């Protein structure tokens, strides 16, 4: 911001130098006080206009860089939480201090669209089929569990340390919306609007586990992350998944 405001200073210094130089030359060439006065007035107006222009641009840069997130995004997150009460209840039962009103915006992130041709492999016979999240306008389905739950050839299913949110679009494309390593997990999700998906989960910090929200704008390839002040060392990181996916025998 300071750089944007100071970029015109060299030009202003040069303008002042030109102004004084030409003033002296003009005075020597023309002794007419009336013409000299007019010249002084026009030169001063020119310098003032340049200064005002630079200050205006500086203010616009400040406003643009410091614009707050729209209230609409906060409202969308609240609407989404009302639709995944099972997740809210699980956290409240796990931690009595958990309060929805304590969520606040952490940051807004633009991500590069990562997609490739692939039809949705989750059909009616898949154990993940009941947990697909269809887009309200029929533009595809979201899957947040098939990558997390691994079915080996021998033995029962187990949890992958990594998690991802996949959007199988109706045009035959597969897009990865979110990915997180062993330090976090995605537990539930819901479409708040046809273009906004709310994902609820957690992140493990040095002090313990804290709840997180991601509000994804699928049309503009960006998401808003919400943080919560609650940090706990007693939270079961696979507890909600095992309760939610009750049709899968772990």
C-alpha atoms as a PDB file:
ATOM      1  CA  UNK A   1       0.000   0.000   0.000  1.00  0.00           C
ATOM      2  CA  UNK A   2       2.853   2.362   0.847  1.00  0.00           C
ATOM      3  CA  UNK A   3       4.531   1.423  -2.420  1.00  0.00           C
ATOM      4  CA  UNK A   4       1.413   2.315  -4.374  1.00  0.00           C
ATOM      5  CA  UNK A   5       1.240   5.662  -2.613  1.00  0.00           C
ATOM      6  CA  UNK A   6       4.879   6.615  -3.139  1.00  0.00           C
ATOM      7  CA  UNK A   7       5.295   5.549  -6.752  1.00  0.00           C
ATOM      8  CA  UNK A   8       4.372   9.112  -7.917  1.00  0.00           C
ATOM      9  CA  UNK A   9       6.919  10.910  -5.684  1.00  0.00           C
ATOM     10  CA  UNK A  10       9.730  10.908  -8.263  1.00  0.00           C
ATOM     11  CA  UNK A  11       7.308  12.354 -10.805  1.00  0.00           C
ATOM     12  CA  UNK A  12       6.189  15.056  -8.372  1.00  0.00           C
ATOM     13  CA  UNK A  13       9.810  16.028  -7.652  1.00  0.00           C
ATOM     14  CA  UNK A  14      10.506  16.192 -11.385  1.00  0.00           C
ATOM     15  CA  UNK A  15       7.343  18.300 -11.899  1.00  0.00           C
ATOM     16  CA  UNK A  16       8.472  20.766  -9.235  1.00  0.00           C
ATOM     17  CA  UNK A  17      11.929  20.992 -10.841  1.00  0.00           C
ATOM     18  CA  UNK A  18      10.411  21.626 -14.272  1.00  0.00           C
ATOM     19  CA  UNK A  19       8.052  24.146 -12.771  1.00  0.00           C
ATOM     20  CA  UNK A  20      10.833  26.252 -11.204  1.00  0.00           C
ATOM     21  CA  UNK A  21      13.149  25.925 -14.207  1.00  0.00           C
ATOM     22  CA  UNK A  22      10.555  27.060 -16.684  1.00  0.00           C
ATOM     23  CA  UNK A  23       9.401  29.794 -14.332  1.00  0.00           C
ATOM     24  CA  UNK A  24      12.921  31.282 -14.295  1.00  0.00           C
ATOM     25  CA  UNK A  25      13.325  30.969 -18.061  1.00  0.00           C
ATOM     26  CA  UNK A  26       9.929  32.446 -18.755  1.00  0.00           C
ATOM     27  CA  UNK A  27      10.635  35.359 -16.444  1.00  0.00           C
ATOM     28  CA  UNK A  28      13.828  36.163 -18.280  1.00  0.00           C
ATOM     29  CA  UNK A  29      12.170  35.914 -21.691  1.00  0.00           C
ATOM     30  CA  UNK A  30       9.025  37.783 -20.853  1.00  0.00           C
ATOM     31  CA  UNK A  31       8.798  40.533 -18.263  1.00  0.00           C
ATOM     32  CA  UNK A  32       5.020  40.710 -18.502  1.00  0.00           C
ATOM     33  CA  UNK A  33       3.766  40.183 -14.939  1.00  0.00           C
ATOM     34  CA  UNK A  34       0.311  39.202 -16.203  1.00  0.00           C
ATOM     35  CA  UNK A  35       1.579  36.366 -18.396  1.00  0.00           C
ATOM     36  CA  UNK A  36       3.976  35.225 -15.698  1.00  0.00           C
ATOM     37  CA  UNK A  37       1.149  35.113 -13.136  1.00  0.00           C
ATOM     38  CA  UNK A  38      -0.997  33.040 -15.486  1.00  0.00           C
ATOM     39  CA  UNK A  39       1.884  30.645 -16.019  1.00  0.00           C
ATOM     40  CA  UNK A  40       2.396  30.250 -12.255  1.00  0.00           C
ATOM     41  CA  UNK A  41      -1.295  29.529 -11.765  1.00  0.00           C
ATOM     42  CA  UNK A  42      -1.480  26.877 -14.497  1.00  0.00           C
ATOM     43  CA  UNK A  43       1.684  25.156 -13.260  1.00  0.00           C
ATOM     44  CA  UNK A  44       0.412  25.040  -9.685  1.00  0.00           C
ATOM     45  CA  UNK A  45      -2.881  23.540 -10.836  1.00  0.00           C
ATOM     46  CA  UNK A  46      -1.001  20.865 -12.796  1.00  0.00           C
ATOM     47  CA  UNK A  47       1.085  19.831  -9.773  1.00  0.00           C
ATOM     48  CA  UNK A  48      -1.991  19.803  -7.507  1.00  0.00           C
ATOM     49  CA  UNK A  49      -3.916  17.614  -9.951  1.00  0.00           C
ATOM     50  CA  UNK A  50      -1.080  15.085 -10.076  1.00  0.00           C
ATOM     51  CA  UNK A  51      -0.884  14.980  -6.263  1.00  0.00           C
ATOM     52  CA  UNK A  52      -4.620  14.450  -5.893  1.00  0.00           C
ATOM     53  CA  UNK A  53      -4.550  11.697  -8.482  1.00  0.00           C
ATOM     54  CA  UNK A  54      -1.803   9.835  -6.664  1.00  0.00           C
ATOM     55  CA  UNK A  55      -3.581  10.123  -3.310  1.00  0.00           C
ATOM     56  CA  UNK A  56      -6.840   8.882  -4.839  1.00  0.00           C
ATOM     57  CA  UNK A  57      -5.149   5.830  -6.295  1.00  0.00           C
ATOM     58  CA  UNK A  58      -3.519   5.123  -2.932  1.00  0.00           C
ATOM     59  CA  UNK A  59      -6.906   5.183  -1.196  1.00  0.00           C
ATOM     60  CA  UNK A  60      -8.437   2.823  -3.768  1.00  0.00           C
ATOM     61  CA  UNK A  61      -5.626   0.318  -3.249  1.00  0.00           C
ATOM     62  CA  UNK A  62      -6.133   0.412   0.520  1.00  0.00           C
ATOM     63  CA  UNK A  63      -9.864  -0.167   0.241  1.00  0.00           C
ATOM     64  CA  UNK A  64      -9.423  -2.960  -2.257  1.00  0.00           C
ATOM     65  CA  UNK A  65      -6.818  -4.790  -0.163  1.00  0.00           C
ATOM     66  CA  UNK A  66      -8.708  -4.355   3.123  1.00  0.00           C
ATOM     67  CA  UNK A  67     -12.206  -5.271   1.945  1.00  0.00           C
ATOM     68  CA  UNK A  68     -13.898  -7.515   4.550  1.00  0.00           C
ATOM     69  CA  UNK A  69     -15.449 -10.828   3.582  1.00  0.00           C
ATOM     70  CA  UNK A  70     -19.094 -10.506   2.648  1.00  0.00           C
ATOM     71  CA  UNK A  71     -21.649 -11.168   5.353  1.00  0.00           C
ATOM     72  CA  UNK A  72     -23.335 -13.543   2.918  1.00  0.00           C
ATOM     73  CA  UNK A  73     -20.551 -16.079   3.389  1.00  0.00           C
ATOM     74  CA  UNK A  74     -21.022 -16.073   7.156  1.00  0.00           C
ATOM     75  CA  UNK A  75     -24.750 -16.570   6.701  1.00  0.00           C
ATOM     76  CA  UNK A  76     -24.181 -19.453   4.285  1.00  0.00           C
ATOM     77  CA  UNK A  77     -21.981 -21.199   6.843  1.00  0.00           C
ATOM     78  CA  UNK A  78     -24.675 -20.825   9.506  1.00  0.00           C
ATOM     79  CA  UNK A  79     -27.309 -22.194   7.123  1.00  0.00           C
ATOM     80  CA  UNK A  80     -25.128 -25.181   6.339  1.00  0.00           C
ATOM     81  CA  UNK A  81     -24.553 -26.012   9.994  1.00  0.00           C
ATOM     82  CA  UNK A  82     -28.296 -26.117  10.541  1.00  0.00           C
ATOM     83  CA  UNK A  83     -28.461 -28.938   7.983  1.00  0.00           C
ATOM     84  CA  UNK A  84     -25.747 -31.101   9.543  1.00  0.00           C
ATOM     85  CA  UNK A  85     -27.049 -31.190  13.090  1.00  0.00           C
ATOM     86  CA  UNK A  86     -25.607 -34.661  13.615  1.00  0.00           C
ATOM     87  CA  UNK A  87     -22.096 -33.197  13.312  1.00  0.00           C
ATOM     88  CA  UNK A  88     -22.956 -30.284  15.595  1.00  0.00           C
ATOM     89  CA  UNK A  89     -24.478 -32.613  18.185  1.00  0.00           C
ATOM     90  CA  UNK A  90     -21.478 -34.940  18.085  1.00  0.00           C
ATOM     91  CA  UNK A  91     -19.109 -32.091  18.842  1.00  0.00           C
ATOM     92  CA  UNK A  92     -21.350 -30.739  21.598  1.00  0.00           C
ATOM     93  CA  UNK A  93     -21.535 -34.151  23.230  1.00  0.00           C
ATOM     94  CA  UNK A  94     -17.776 -34.546  22.933  1.00  0.00           C
ATOM     95  CA  UNK A  95     -16.948 -31.071  24.184  1.00  0.00           C
ATOM     96  CA  UNK A  96     -19.433 -29.161  26.303  1.00  0.00           C
ATOM     97  CA  UNK A  97     -17.753 -25.847  25.466  1.00  0.00           C
ATOM     98  CA  UNK A  98     -18.438 -26.238  21.738  1.00  0.00           C
ATOM     99  CA  UNK A  99     -20.556 -23.295  20.567  1.00  0.00           C
ATOM    100  CA  UNK A 100     -21.564 -22.584  16.967  1.00  0.00           C
ATOM    101  CA  UNK A 101     -21.428 -18.860  17.585  1.00  0.00           C
ATOM    102  CA  UNK A 102     -17.683 -19.052  18.175  1.00  0.00           C
ATOM    103  CA  UNK A 103     -16.832 -19.841  14.564  1.00  0.00           C
ATOM    104  CA  UNK A 104     -15.098 -16.963  12.806  1.00  0.00           C
ATOM    105  CA  UNK A 105     -13.492 -16.401   9.429  1.00  0.00           C
ATOM    106  CA  UNK A 106      -9.877 -17.502   9.279  1.00  0.00           C
ATOM    107  CA  UNK A 107      -8.935 -16.866   5.652  1.00  0.00           C
ATOM    108  CA  UNK A 108     -10.140 -16.942   2.066  1.00  0.00           C
ATOM    109  CA  UNK A 109      -8.199 -19.056  -0.405  1.00  0.00           C
ATOM    110  CA  UNK A 110      -8.329 -19.266  -4.199  1.00  0.00           C
ATOM    111  CA  UNK A 111      -7.264 -22.644  -5.538  1.00  0.00           C
ATOM    112  CA  UNK A 112      -6.302 -23.917  -8.960  1.00  0.00           C
ATOM    113  CA  UNK A 113      -8.987 -26.060 -10.550  1.00  0.00           C
ATOM    114  CA  UNK A 114      -7.782 -29.659 -10.622  1.00  0.00           C
ATOM    115  CA  UNK A 115     -10.026 -31.930 -12.673  1.00  0.00           C
ATOM    116  CA  UNK A 116      -9.806 -34.752 -15.184  1.00  0.00           C
ATOM    117  CA  UNK A 117     -12.235 -36.981 -17.111  1.00  0.00           C
ATOM    118  CA  UNK A 118     -13.650 -39.711 -14.887  1.00  0.00           C
ATOM    119  CA  UNK A 119     -17.163 -40.989 -14.401  1.00  0.00           C
ATOM    120  CA  UNK A 120     -18.439 -41.522 -10.889  1.00  0.00           C
ATOM    121  CA  UNK A 121     -17.488 -45.121  -9.977  1.00  0.00           C
ATOM    122  CA  UNK A 122     -19.786 -45.191  -6.940  1.00  0.00           C
ATOM    123  CA  UNK A 123     -22.906 -47.079  -8.037  1.00  0.00           C
ATOM    124  CA  UNK A 124     -25.867 -48.538  -6.169  1.00  0.00           C
ATOM    125  CA  UNK A 125     -23.828 -51.509  -4.985  1.00  0.00           C
ATOM    126  CA  UNK A 126     -21.094 -49.398  -3.406  1.00  0.00           C
ATOM    127  CA  UNK A 127     -21.119 -48.974   0.386  1.00  0.00           C
ATOM    128  CA  UNK A 128     -20.501 -45.264  -0.220  1.00  0.00           C
ATOM    129  CA  UNK A 129     -23.541 -44.729  -2.432  1.00  0.00           C
ATOM    130  CA  UNK A 130     -25.888 -43.730   0.436  1.00  0.00           C
ATOM    131  CA  UNK A 131     -23.411 -41.060   1.501  1.00  0.00           C
ATOM    132  CA  UNK A 132     -23.067 -39.226  -1.808  1.00  0.00           C
ATOM    133  CA  UNK A 133     -24.110 -35.577  -1.638  1.00  0.00           C
ATOM    134  CA  UNK A 134     -26.074 -34.624  -4.786  1.00  0.00           C
ATOM    135  CA  UNK A 135     -25.963 -31.102  -6.131  1.00  0.00           C
ATOM    136  CA  UNK A 136     -29.370 -29.371  -5.718  1.00  0.00           C
ATOM    137  CA  UNK A 137     -29.539 -28.609  -9.447  1.00  0.00           C
ATOM    138  CA  UNK A 138     -28.408 -32.052 -10.574  1.00  0.00           C
ATOM    139  CA  UNK A 139     -24.939 -30.903 -11.648  1.00  0.00           C
ATOM    140  CA  UNK A 140     -23.216 -33.877 -10.047  1.00  0.00           C
ATOM    141  CA  UNK A 141     -22.454 -35.427  -6.662  1.00  0.00           C
ATOM    142  CA  UNK A 142     -19.843 -34.866  -3.956  1.00  0.00           C
ATOM    143  CA  UNK A 143     -17.984 -37.715  -2.273  1.00  0.00           C
ATOM    144  CA  UNK A 144     -15.961 -37.178   0.910  1.00  0.00           C
ATOM    145  CA  UNK A 145     -15.693 -40.752   2.216  1.00  0.00           C
ATOM    146  CA  UNK A 146     -14.513 -43.210  -0.461  1.00  0.00           C
ATOM    147  CA  UNK A 147     -10.951 -41.873  -0.380  1.00  0.00           C
ATOM    148  CA  UNK A 148     -10.896 -41.928   3.422  1.00  0.00           C
ATOM    149  CA  UNK A 149     -12.188 -45.483   3.893  1.00  0.00           C
ATOM    150  CA  UNK A 150      -9.998 -48.213   2.411  1.00  0.00           C
ATOM    151  CA  UNK A 151     -11.290 -51.715   1.694  1.00  0.00           C
ATOM    152  CA  UNK A 152      -8.322 -54.110   1.460  1.00  0.00           C
ATOM    153  CA  UNK A 153      -8.495 -57.489  -0.225  1.00  0.00           C
ATOM    154  CA  UNK A 154      -8.104 -59.175   3.136  1.00  0.00           C
ATOM    155  CA  UNK A 155      -9.457 -57.924   6.418  1.00  0.00           C
ATOM    156  CA  UNK A 156     -11.864 -55.178   7.315  1.00  0.00           C
ATOM    157  CA  UNK A 157     -11.898 -51.539   6.190  1.00  0.00           C
ATOM    158  CA  UNK A 158      -9.555 -49.006   7.741  1.00  0.00           C
ATOM    159  CA  UNK A 159      -9.070 -45.250   7.641  1.00  0.00           C
ATOM    160  CA  UNK A 160      -6.689 -43.595   5.207  1.00  0.00           C
ATOM    161  CA  UNK A 161      -4.634 -40.914   7.022  1.00  0.00           C
ATOM    162  CA  UNK A 162      -5.409 -38.448   4.197  1.00  0.00           C
ATOM    163  CA  UNK A 163      -8.794 -37.025   3.204  1.00  0.00           C
ATOM    164  CA  UNK A 164     -10.214 -35.376   0.104  1.00  0.00           C
ATOM    165  CA  UNK A 165     -13.433 -33.886  -1.202  1.00  0.00           C
ATOM    166  CA  UNK A 166     -14.281 -34.973  -4.753  1.00  0.00           C
ATOM    167  CA  UNK A 167     -16.914 -33.471  -7.050  1.00  0.00           C
ATOM    168  CA  UNK A 168     -18.140 -35.829  -9.784  1.00  0.00           C
ATOM    169  CA  UNK A 169     -19.733 -33.445 -12.267  1.00  0.00           C
ATOM    170  CA  UNK A 170     -22.576 -34.241 -14.627  1.00  0.00           C
ATOM    171  CA  UNK A 171     -20.279 -33.524 -17.599  1.00  0.00           C
ATOM    172  CA  UNK A 172     -18.101 -36.545 -16.826  1.00  0.00           C
ATOM    173  CA  UNK A 173     -15.333 -34.615 -15.074  1.00  0.00           C
ATOM    174  CA  UNK A 174     -13.898 -35.311 -11.629  1.00  0.00           C
ATOM    175  CA  UNK A 175     -12.675 -32.310  -9.617  1.00  0.00           C
ATOM    176  CA  UNK A 176     -10.779 -32.355  -6.352  1.00  0.00           C
ATOM    177  CA  UNK A 177     -12.146 -29.542  -4.219  1.00  0.00           C
ATOM    178  CA  UNK A 178     -10.168 -30.122  -1.017  1.00  0.00           C
ATOM    179  CA  UNK A 179      -7.341 -32.283   0.242  1.00  0.00           C
ATOM    180  CA  UNK A 180      -5.821 -32.606   3.700  1.00  0.00           C
ATOM    181  CA  UNK A 181      -3.121 -34.817   5.150  1.00  0.00           C
ATOM    182  CA  UNK A 182      -2.974 -36.676   8.471  1.00  0.00           C
ATOM    183  CA  UNK A 183      -3.196 -33.410  10.408  1.00  0.00           C
ATOM    184  CA  UNK A 184      -6.911 -33.041   9.674  1.00  0.00           C
ATOM    185  CA  UNK A 185     -10.057 -34.659   8.358  1.00  0.00           C
ATOM    186  CA  UNK A 186     -13.377 -34.001   6.605  1.00  0.00           C
ATOM    187  CA  UNK A 187     -16.347 -35.392   8.522  1.00  0.00           C
ATOM    188  CA  UNK A 188     -19.499 -34.121   6.824  1.00  0.00           C
ATOM    189  CA  UNK A 189     -20.679 -31.842   4.029  1.00  0.00           C
ATOM    190  CA  UNK A 190     -23.823 -30.252   2.637  1.00  0.00           C
ATOM    191  CA  UNK A 191     -24.803 -28.104  -0.336  1.00  0.00           C
ATOM    192  CA  UNK A 192     -25.957 -24.733   1.003  1.00  0.00           C
ATOM    193  CA  UNK A 193     -26.640 -23.400  -2.496  1.00  0.00           C
ATOM    194  CA  UNK A 194     -26.111 -24.960  -5.944  1.00  0.00           C
ATOM    195  CA  UNK A 195     -22.655 -23.328  -6.003  1.00  0.00           C
ATOM    196  CA  UNK A 196     -21.633 -23.390  -2.322  1.00  0.00           C
ATOM    197  CA  UNK A 197     -20.618 -26.532  -0.448  1.00  0.00           C
ATOM    198  CA  UNK A 198     -19.994 -26.463   3.303  1.00  0.00           C
ATOM    199  CA  UNK A 199     -17.519 -29.051   4.601  1.00  0.00           C
ATOM    200  CA  UNK A 200     -17.180 -29.704   8.338  1.00  0.00           C
ATOM    201  CA  UNK A 201     -14.206 -31.371   9.956  1.00  0.00           C
ATOM    202  CA  UNK A 202     -11.231 -30.809  12.190  1.00  0.00           C
ATOM    203  CA  UNK A 203      -7.569 -29.889  12.241  1.00  0.00           C
ATOM    204  CA  UNK A 204      -4.953 -31.187  14.646  1.00  0.00           C
ATOM    205  CA  UNK A 205      -2.652 -28.518  16.051  1.00  0.00           C
ATOM    206  CA  UNK A 206       0.167 -28.785  18.575  1.00  0.00           C
ATOM    207  CA  UNK A 207      -2.209 -28.161  21.480  1.00  0.00           C
ATOM    208  CA  UNK A 208      -4.897 -30.555  20.263  1.00  0.00           C
ATOM    209  CA  UNK A 209      -7.809 -30.955  17.847  1.00  0.00           C
ATOM    210  CA  UNK A 210      -9.953 -27.991  16.786  1.00  0.00           C
ATOM    211  CA  UNK A 211     -13.145 -27.941  14.642  1.00  0.00           C
ATOM    212  CA  UNK A 212     -12.939 -26.397  11.175  1.00  0.00           C
ATOM    213  CA  UNK A 213     -15.325 -25.353   8.414  1.00  0.00           C
ATOM    214  CA  UNK A 214     -14.660 -24.877   4.706  1.00  0.00           C
ATOM    215  CA  UNK A 215     -17.207 -22.995   2.586  1.00  0.00           C
ATOM    216  CA  UNK A 216     -16.346 -23.823  -1.022  1.00  0.00           C
ATOM    217  CA  UNK A 217     -17.440 -21.686  -3.959  1.00  0.00           C
ATOM    218  CA  UNK A 218     -17.252 -24.322  -6.698  1.00  0.00           C
ATOM    219  CA  UNK A 219     -17.934 -21.863  -9.509  1.00  0.00           C
ATOM    220  CA  UNK A 220     -15.113 -19.484  -8.604  1.00  0.00           C
ATOM    221  CA  UNK A 221     -12.618 -22.080  -7.284  1.00  0.00           C
ATOM    222  CA  UNK A 222     -12.218 -20.552  -3.836  1.00  0.00           C
ATOM    223  CA  UNK A 223     -13.105 -21.350  -0.259  1.00  0.00           C
ATOM    224  CA  UNK A 224     -13.474 -19.566   3.053  1.00  0.00           C
ATOM    225  CA  UNK A 225     -12.012 -21.327   6.085  1.00  0.00           C
ATOM    226  CA  UNK A 226     -13.607 -20.841   9.492  1.00  0.00           C
ATOM    227  CA  UNK A 227     -11.733 -21.421  12.738  1.00  0.00           C
ATOM    228  CA  UNK A 228     -12.948 -22.118  16.270  1.00  0.00           C
ATOM    229  CA  UNK A 229     -11.251 -21.263  19.589  1.00  0.00           C
ATOM    230  CA  UNK A 230     -11.961 -24.712  21.035  1.00  0.00           C
ATOM    231  CA  UNK A 231      -8.914 -26.993  21.239  1.00  0.00           C
ATOM    232  CA  UNK A 232      -9.169 -30.434  22.831  1.00  0.00           C
ATOM    233  CA  UNK A 233      -7.004 -33.479  23.417  1.00  0.00           C
ATOM    234  CA  UNK A 234      -9.976 -35.777  24.061  1.00  0.00           C
ATOM    235  CA  UNK A 235     -11.642 -35.745  20.643  1.00  0.00           C
ATOM    236  CA  UNK A 236     -11.901 -39.075  18.809  1.00  0.00           C
ATOM    237  CA  UNK A 237     -10.765 -38.322  15.254  1.00  0.00           C
ATOM    238  CA  UNK A 238     -12.556 -41.341  13.792  1.00  0.00           C
ATOM    239  CA  UNK A 239     -15.542 -41.252  16.151  1.00  0.00           C
ATOM    240  CA  UNK A 240     -17.873 -39.230  13.947  1.00  0.00           C
ATOM    241  CA  UNK A 241     -17.029 -41.159  10.786  1.00  0.00           C
ATOM    242  CA  UNK A 242     -17.776 -44.488  12.429  1.00  0.00           C
ATOM    243  CA  UNK A 243     -21.094 -43.177  13.689  1.00  0.00           C
ATOM    244  CA  UNK A 244     -22.003 -41.496  10.404  1.00  0.00           C
ATOM    245  CA  UNK A 245     -21.032 -44.462   8.209  1.00  0.00           C
ATOM    246  CA  UNK A 246     -23.071 -46.944  10.218  1.00  0.00           C
ATOM    247  CA  UNK A 247     -23.662 -49.125   7.163  1.00  0.00           C
ATOM    248  CA  UNK A 248     -19.968 -49.952   6.995  1.00  0.00           C
ATOM    249  CA  UNK A 249     -18.573 -52.531   9.416  1.00  0.00           C
ATOM    250  CA  UNK A 250     -15.245 -51.271  10.695  1.00  0.00           C
END
